[in-house]
């Protein structure tokens, strides 16, 4: 597959063709505000199995199903608590995945064999247009984990997808180019299967936001639900990643802009805010590999909210592949 096969101009015709391709069992990489997703018809077992093959992903790892609107919640989930409805109203479309007890529509091949399903309405004009076009021809939802090899750094541009997965995709598969992802880290995953919400993966929707929306304290009990990105080592470049030390000559360096770059150190990113840190982090780690940098030092941002999500990803990246 060559970069010329990108659908970089996401016209209505192109999105209609992409929806037809999904319905026929093909794979379509779609931009979202978090990261790019590798999408397939969430009700088509053969198509979903190709996601696992292209990613090299273990079959017991559940996929997040992307839907066009919260109106589809009842198709995919049973026993939806009122606080989940509050969260959906307040934060969809947006970087939040709700884990609910699954309906008959959500089969083992998409849930990793678990009795739950993860659902999300993405906040990206191209993703929503594709989901709308897919729904119009009878599609129920698009299963879409991040469009990278399993355990590797998530892609936040179409070019990163092409570099990461181009050799594993068929010539009929499609990469939709919707520009750089605006958030840059994966969605907050919230378990909504008990009496109170529980965060299974931190992201841009914070604990404080969840509590304000639901009027409930976020549960801190341990969950046995498997979700994406929960393994100890994940989000890892080929370079080794170490945290919160002074980098040495020849090492890559990612830190907020107020941190000085020591002599001989390769500055990979100098974000001015935590939000910019999240947007640039994955592309900077990919850049390290492109430059042949063997070791990257990251000074983590402090604080709650998005900074917490960044530290979660970096902690897993630092464990290596």
Protein backbone atom coordinates (compact mmCIF):
# COMPACT_ATOMS: atom_id res chain seq x y z
CA UNK A 1 0.00 0.00 0.00
CA UNK A 2 1.37 3.41 -0.87
CA UNK A 3 0.60 6.76 0.69
CA UNK A 4 -1.21 7.64 -2.54
CA UNK A 5 -3.96 5.25 -1.47
CA UNK A 6 -4.82 7.43 1.54
CA UNK A 7 -8.23 9.01 1.32
CA UNK A 8 -6.76 12.33 2.39
CA UNK A 9 -9.68 14.30 0.98
CA UNK A 10 -12.57 12.93 3.07
CA UNK A 11 -15.45 13.83 0.76
CA UNK A 12 -18.98 12.51 1.22
CA UNK A 13 -18.34 10.07 -1.66
CA UNK A 14 -15.11 8.84 -0.07
CA UNK A 15 -16.83 8.29 3.29
CA UNK A 16 -19.73 6.49 1.60
CA UNK A 17 -17.18 4.19 -0.12
CA UNK A 18 -15.41 3.62 3.20
CA UNK A 19 -18.72 2.66 4.84
CA UNK A 20 -19.42 0.20 1.99
CA UNK A 21 -15.94 -1.26 2.45
CA UNK A 22 -16.61 -1.82 6.15
CA UNK A 23 -19.95 -3.50 5.33
CA UNK A 24 -18.11 -5.79 2.88
CA UNK A 25 -15.68 -6.88 5.63
CA UNK A 26 -12.74 -4.57 4.87
CA UNK A 27 -10.65 -2.57 7.32
CA UNK A 28 -10.79 1.23 7.48
CA UNK A 29 -8.39 3.24 9.61
CA UNK A 30 -10.27 6.23 11.00
CA UNK A 31 -9.07 9.40 12.72
CA UNK A 32 -10.44 10.19 16.16
CA UNK A 33 -9.67 12.96 18.63
CA UNK A 34 -7.68 10.52 20.82
CA UNK A 35 -5.61 8.41 18.39
CA UNK A 36 -6.22 6.73 15.02
CA UNK A 37 -8.28 3.53 15.16
CA UNK A 38 -8.14 0.37 13.03
CA UNK A 39 -11.81 -0.17 12.24
CA UNK A 40 -13.99 -3.11 11.18
CA UNK A 41 -17.70 -3.92 11.26
CA UNK A 42 -18.18 -4.81 14.94
CA UNK A 43 -20.75 -7.50 14.04
CA UNK A 44 -18.55 -9.26 11.44
CA UNK A 45 -16.39 -11.94 13.04
CA UNK A 46 -14.13 -12.44 10.01
CA UNK A 47 -13.48 -8.69 9.71
CA UNK A 48 -12.80 -8.30 13.43
CA UNK A 49 -10.41 -11.26 13.37
CA UNK A 50 -8.37 -9.37 10.76
CA UNK A 51 -7.94 -6.49 13.24
CA UNK A 52 -6.30 -8.94 15.64
CA UNK A 53 -4.13 -10.36 12.88
CA UNK A 54 -2.98 -6.97 11.55
CA UNK A 55 -2.21 -5.72 15.07
CA UNK A 56 -0.71 -8.98 16.35
CA UNK A 57 -3.11 -8.59 19.28
CA UNK A 58 -4.06 -11.38 21.75
CA UNK A 59 -7.59 -12.66 21.06
CA UNK A 60 -8.73 -12.18 24.68
CA UNK A 61 -8.14 -8.42 24.45
CA UNK A 62 -11.53 -6.70 24.00
CA UNK A 63 -12.13 -4.03 21.35
CA UNK A 64 -13.94 -0.73 21.83
CA UNK A 65 -17.05 -0.37 19.66
CA UNK A 66 -17.51 3.12 18.20
CA UNK A 67 -21.11 4.21 17.68
CA UNK A 68 -22.64 7.30 16.05
CA UNK A 69 -24.70 8.46 19.03
CA UNK A 70 -25.82 7.47 22.53
CA UNK A 71 -29.14 6.39 20.95
CA UNK A 72 -27.34 3.13 20.02
CA UNK A 73 -26.37 2.31 23.63
CA UNK A 74 -29.40 0.07 24.13
CA UNK A 75 -28.53 -2.02 21.07
CA UNK A 76 -25.10 -2.93 22.45
CA UNK A 77 -25.66 -2.93 26.21
CA UNK A 78 -28.09 -4.28 28.81
CA UNK A 79 -28.73 -2.86 32.29
CA UNK A 80 -27.53 0.70 31.63
CA UNK A 81 -27.36 2.57 34.97
CA UNK A 82 -28.65 6.15 35.13
CA UNK A 83 -25.13 7.47 35.89
CA UNK A 84 -23.90 5.99 32.58
CA UNK A 85 -26.62 7.96 30.78
CA UNK A 86 -25.43 11.11 32.59
CA UNK A 87 -21.85 10.47 31.47
CA UNK A 88 -22.93 9.83 27.87
CA UNK A 89 -24.99 13.05 27.83
CA UNK A 90 -22.16 15.13 29.27
CA UNK A 91 -19.11 13.72 27.47
CA UNK A 92 -20.20 12.19 24.16
CA UNK A 93 -19.04 12.76 21.53
CA UNK A 94 -15.71 12.72 23.37
CA UNK A 95 -12.67 10.83 24.70
CA UNK A 96 -14.62 8.48 27.00
CA UNK A 97 -15.42 4.76 26.74
CA UNK A 98 -18.19 3.25 28.87
CA UNK A 99 -17.94 -0.43 29.82
CA UNK A 100 -21.41 -1.95 30.25
CA UNK A 101 -23.01 -5.37 30.46
CA UNK A 102 -23.24 -6.52 26.88
CA UNK A 103 -26.34 -7.29 24.84
CA UNK A 104 -26.71 -10.21 22.41
CA UNK A 105 -25.33 -7.96 19.65
CA UNK A 106 -21.90 -7.78 21.34
CA UNK A 107 -20.37 -11.20 20.72
CA UNK A 108 -17.31 -12.89 22.21
CA UNK A 109 -15.13 -11.99 19.22
CA UNK A 110 -15.44 -8.27 20.01
CA UNK A 111 -15.59 -8.45 23.84
CA UNK A 112 -12.61 -10.76 24.32
CA UNK A 113 -15.00 -13.36 25.75
CA UNK A 114 -16.07 -11.07 28.60
CA UNK A 115 -19.69 -10.33 29.62
CA UNK A 116 -19.08 -6.61 29.06
CA UNK A 117 -18.64 -4.29 26.06
CA UNK A 118 -16.79 -0.97 25.73
CA UNK A 119 -18.67 1.75 23.80
CA UNK A 120 -17.64 5.22 22.62
CA UNK A 121 -18.90 8.10 20.45
CA UNK A 122 -15.74 9.74 19.07
CA UNK A 123 -15.44 13.53 18.76
CA UNK A 124 -14.02 13.82 15.25
CA UNK A 125 -15.88 15.10 12.20
CA UNK A 126 -14.51 12.35 9.90
CA UNK A 127 -15.15 9.51 12.38
CA UNK A 128 -18.72 10.72 12.99
CA UNK A 129 -19.39 11.14 9.27
CA UNK A 130 -18.13 7.58 8.66
CA UNK A 131 -20.25 6.19 11.52
CA UNK A 132 -23.29 8.02 10.16
CA UNK A 133 -22.71 6.69 6.63
CA UNK A 134 -22.19 3.17 8.04
CA UNK A 135 -25.39 3.38 10.11
CA UNK A 136 -27.37 4.47 7.02
CA UNK A 137 -26.48 1.20 5.24
CA UNK A 138 -27.34 -0.96 8.26
CA UNK A 139 -24.06 -0.86 10.17
CA UNK A 140 -24.36 -1.12 13.95
CA UNK A 141 -20.91 0.02 15.08
CA UNK A 142 -17.21 0.03 14.24
CA UNK A 143 -14.79 -1.96 16.40
CA UNK A 144 -11.59 0.08 16.44
CA UNK A 145 -8.54 -0.36 18.67
CA UNK A 146 -5.56 1.94 18.07
CA UNK A 147 -4.08 1.48 14.58
CA UNK A 148 -0.67 0.17 15.61
CA UNK A 149 1.05 -3.15 16.22
CA UNK A 150 0.19 -4.54 19.65
CA UNK A 151 2.17 -2.89 22.45
CA UNK A 152 3.67 -0.24 20.18
CA UNK A 153 3.16 3.53 20.27
CA UNK A 154 -0.34 4.62 19.22
CA UNK A 155 -0.54 6.64 15.96
CA UNK A 156 -1.86 10.20 16.01
CA UNK A 157 -1.51 10.85 12.23
CA UNK A 158 -2.41 8.93 9.06
CA UNK A 159 1.29 8.90 8.13
CA UNK A 160 2.12 7.11 11.40
CA UNK A 161 -0.54 4.50 10.58
CA UNK A 162 0.95 4.00 7.12
CA UNK A 163 4.45 3.53 8.56
CA UNK A 164 3.22 1.20 11.30
CA UNK A 165 0.66 -0.98 9.48
CA UNK A 166 1.14 -0.43 5.72
CA UNK A 167 2.84 -3.79 5.19
CA UNK A 168 0.10 -5.67 7.10
CA UNK A 169 -2.93 -4.15 5.32
CA UNK A 170 -4.51 -5.38 2.09
CA UNK A 171 -4.57 -3.15 -0.99
CA UNK A 172 -8.35 -2.81 -0.60
CA UNK A 173 -8.13 -1.54 3.01
CA UNK A 174 -8.33 2.20 3.57
CA UNK A 175 -6.54 4.80 5.69
CA UNK A 176 -8.65 7.93 6.18
CA UNK A 177 -6.54 11.02 6.81
CA UNK A 178 -8.27 13.42 9.18
CA UNK A 179 -5.21 15.34 10.32
CA UNK A 180 -3.41 15.04 13.68
CA UNK A 181 -5.43 13.78 16.67
CA UNK A 182 -6.38 16.73 18.90
CA UNK A 183 -6.19 14.95 22.31
CA UNK A 184 -3.37 12.49 21.63
CA UNK A 185 -3.94 9.91 24.38
CA UNK A 186 -6.51 7.13 24.41
CA UNK A 187 -9.98 7.56 25.92
CA UNK A 188 -10.79 7.33 29.60
CA UNK A 189 -12.36 3.89 30.14
CA UNK A 190 -15.09 3.83 32.82
CA UNK A 191 -16.60 0.64 34.25
CA UNK A 192 -20.36 1.18 34.57
CA UNK A 193 -21.31 -2.35 35.68
CA UNK A 194 -21.67 -1.68 39.42
CA UNK A 195 -23.26 0.93 41.70
CA UNK A 196 -20.59 3.57 41.07
CA UNK A 197 -18.32 4.46 38.14
CA UNK A 198 -14.77 3.09 38.24
CA UNK A 199 -11.87 4.28 36.06
CA UNK A 200 -10.17 1.38 34.28
CA UNK A 201 -7.87 3.58 32.15
CA UNK A 202 -7.20 7.29 32.78
CA UNK A 203 -7.66 9.82 29.98
CA UNK A 204 -8.87 13.33 29.26
CA UNK A 205 -12.19 12.78 31.11
CA UNK A 206 -11.02 12.99 34.72
CA UNK A 207 -12.28 11.56 37.99
CA UNK A 208 -13.43 15.02 39.07
CA UNK A 209 -15.42 15.43 35.82
CA UNK A 210 -17.02 12.01 36.32
CA UNK A 211 -18.04 12.82 39.90
CA UNK A 212 -19.49 16.20 38.87
CA UNK A 213 -21.50 14.54 36.08
CA UNK A 214 -22.84 11.61 38.10
CA UNK A 215 -23.02 12.95 41.64
CA UNK A 216 -21.24 9.75 42.69
CA UNK A 217 -17.78 9.11 44.12
CA UNK A 218 -15.56 7.21 41.70
CA UNK A 219 -15.07 3.67 43.02
CA UNK A 220 -11.48 2.68 43.85
CA UNK A 221 -12.15 -1.06 44.12
CA UNK A 222 -10.04 -3.32 41.92
CA UNK A 223 -11.65 -4.57 38.71
CA UNK A 224 -11.06 -7.85 36.90
CA UNK A 225 -12.39 -6.46 33.60
CA UNK A 226 -9.74 -6.58 30.86
CA UNK A 227 -9.45 -3.38 28.82
CA UNK A 228 -7.15 -1.99 26.14
CA UNK A 229 -3.82 -0.59 27.30
CA UNK A 230 -3.95 -2.23 30.72
CA UNK A 231 -0.88 -4.44 30.36
CA UNK A 232 2.20 -3.46 32.34
CA UNK A 233 4.24 -2.81 29.18
CA UNK A 234 2.48 -0.96 26.39
CA UNK A 235 2.72 2.19 24.23
CA UNK A 236 6.43 1.45 23.75
CA UNK A 237 8.82 2.68 21.05
CA UNK A 238 11.84 0.62 20.00
CA UNK A 239 13.97 3.06 22.05
CA UNK A 240 14.20 2.50 25.78
CA UNK A 241 12.21 5.07 27.78
CA UNK A 242 13.35 6.29 31.19
CA UNK A 243 11.61 8.82 33.39
CA UNK A 244 12.51 11.88 35.43
CA UNK A 245 16.30 11.96 35.23
CA UNK A 246 18.83 14.24 33.55
CA UNK A 247 19.42 13.05 29.96
CA UNK A 248 22.95 12.40 28.71
CA UNK A 249 24.56 13.31 25.38
CA UNK A 250 23.02 11.34 22.50
CA UNK A 251 19.78 10.60 24.34
CA UNK A 252 16.38 11.89 23.26
CA UNK A 253 14.52 14.26 25.57
CA UNK A 254 10.81 15.08 26.01
CA UNK A 255 9.80 17.65 28.64
CA UNK A 256 7.75 20.78 29.13
CA UNK A 257 9.35 23.81 27.47
CA UNK A 258 10.67 25.30 30.72
CA UNK A 259 13.07 22.33 31.09
CA UNK A 260 16.48 23.14 29.56
CA UNK A 261 18.10 20.77 27.05
CA UNK A 262 21.59 19.65 28.20
CA UNK A 263 24.44 19.79 25.67
CA UNK A 264 24.44 16.97 23.11
CA UNK A 265 20.90 15.89 23.99
CA UNK A 266 18.34 15.48 21.14
CA UNK A 267 15.22 17.46 22.02
CA UNK A 268 12.21 15.57 20.66
CA UNK A 269 9.41 17.78 22.03
CA UNK A 270 9.06 20.95 24.15
CA UNK A 271 5.32 21.26 24.82
CA UNK A 272 4.09 24.45 26.51
CA UNK A 273 1.18 22.81 28.36
CA UNK A 274 -0.07 19.45 29.59
CA UNK A 275 -2.60 19.40 26.71
CA UNK A 276 0.18 19.95 24.18
CA UNK A 277 2.28 17.31 25.94
CA UNK A 278 -0.51 14.76 25.37
CA UNK A 279 -0.86 15.76 21.70
CA UNK A 280 2.89 15.54 20.97
CA UNK A 281 3.99 12.62 23.17
CA UNK A 282 3.37 9.68 20.81
CA UNK A 283 4.67 11.46 17.72
CA UNK A 284 7.82 12.42 19.64
CA UNK A 285 8.39 8.80 20.69
CA UNK A 286 7.92 7.72 17.06
CA UNK A 287 10.35 10.45 15.99
CA UNK A 288 12.97 8.97 18.33
CA UNK A 289 12.75 5.66 16.47
CA UNK A 290 12.83 7.42 13.07
CA UNK A 291 16.02 9.23 14.13
CA UNK A 292 17.60 6.00 15.42
CA UNK A 293 17.73 7.31 19.00
CA UNK A 294 18.29 4.35 21.34
CA UNK A 295 17.31 5.96 24.65
CA UNK A 296 14.69 8.61 25.47
CA UNK A 297 14.34 10.48 28.77
CA UNK A 298 10.95 12.00 29.63
CA UNK A 299 10.28 14.46 32.44
CA UNK A 300 6.67 13.71 33.32
CA UNK A 301 4.14 16.50 33.90
CA UNK A 302 2.83 16.70 37.46
CA UNK A 303 -0.79 17.10 38.53
CA UNK A 304 -4.11 15.31 38.09
CA UNK A 305 -6.40 14.90 35.09
CA UNK A 306 -4.65 14.64 31.75
CA UNK A 307 -1.22 14.66 33.44
CA UNK A 308 -2.25 11.46 35.23
CA UNK A 309 -3.15 9.84 31.89
CA UNK A 310 0.22 10.90 30.41
CA UNK A 311 2.08 9.40 33.38
CA UNK A 312 0.08 6.16 33.02
CA UNK A 313 1.14 5.80 29.35
CA UNK A 314 4.77 6.72 30.07
CA UNK A 315 5.01 4.27 32.97
CA UNK A 316 3.93 1.46 30.61
CA UNK A 317 6.20 2.71 27.81
CA UNK A 318 9.15 2.65 30.21
CA UNK A 319 8.68 -1.12 30.73
CA UNK A 320 9.63 -1.66 27.06
CA UNK A 321 8.07 -4.00 24.54
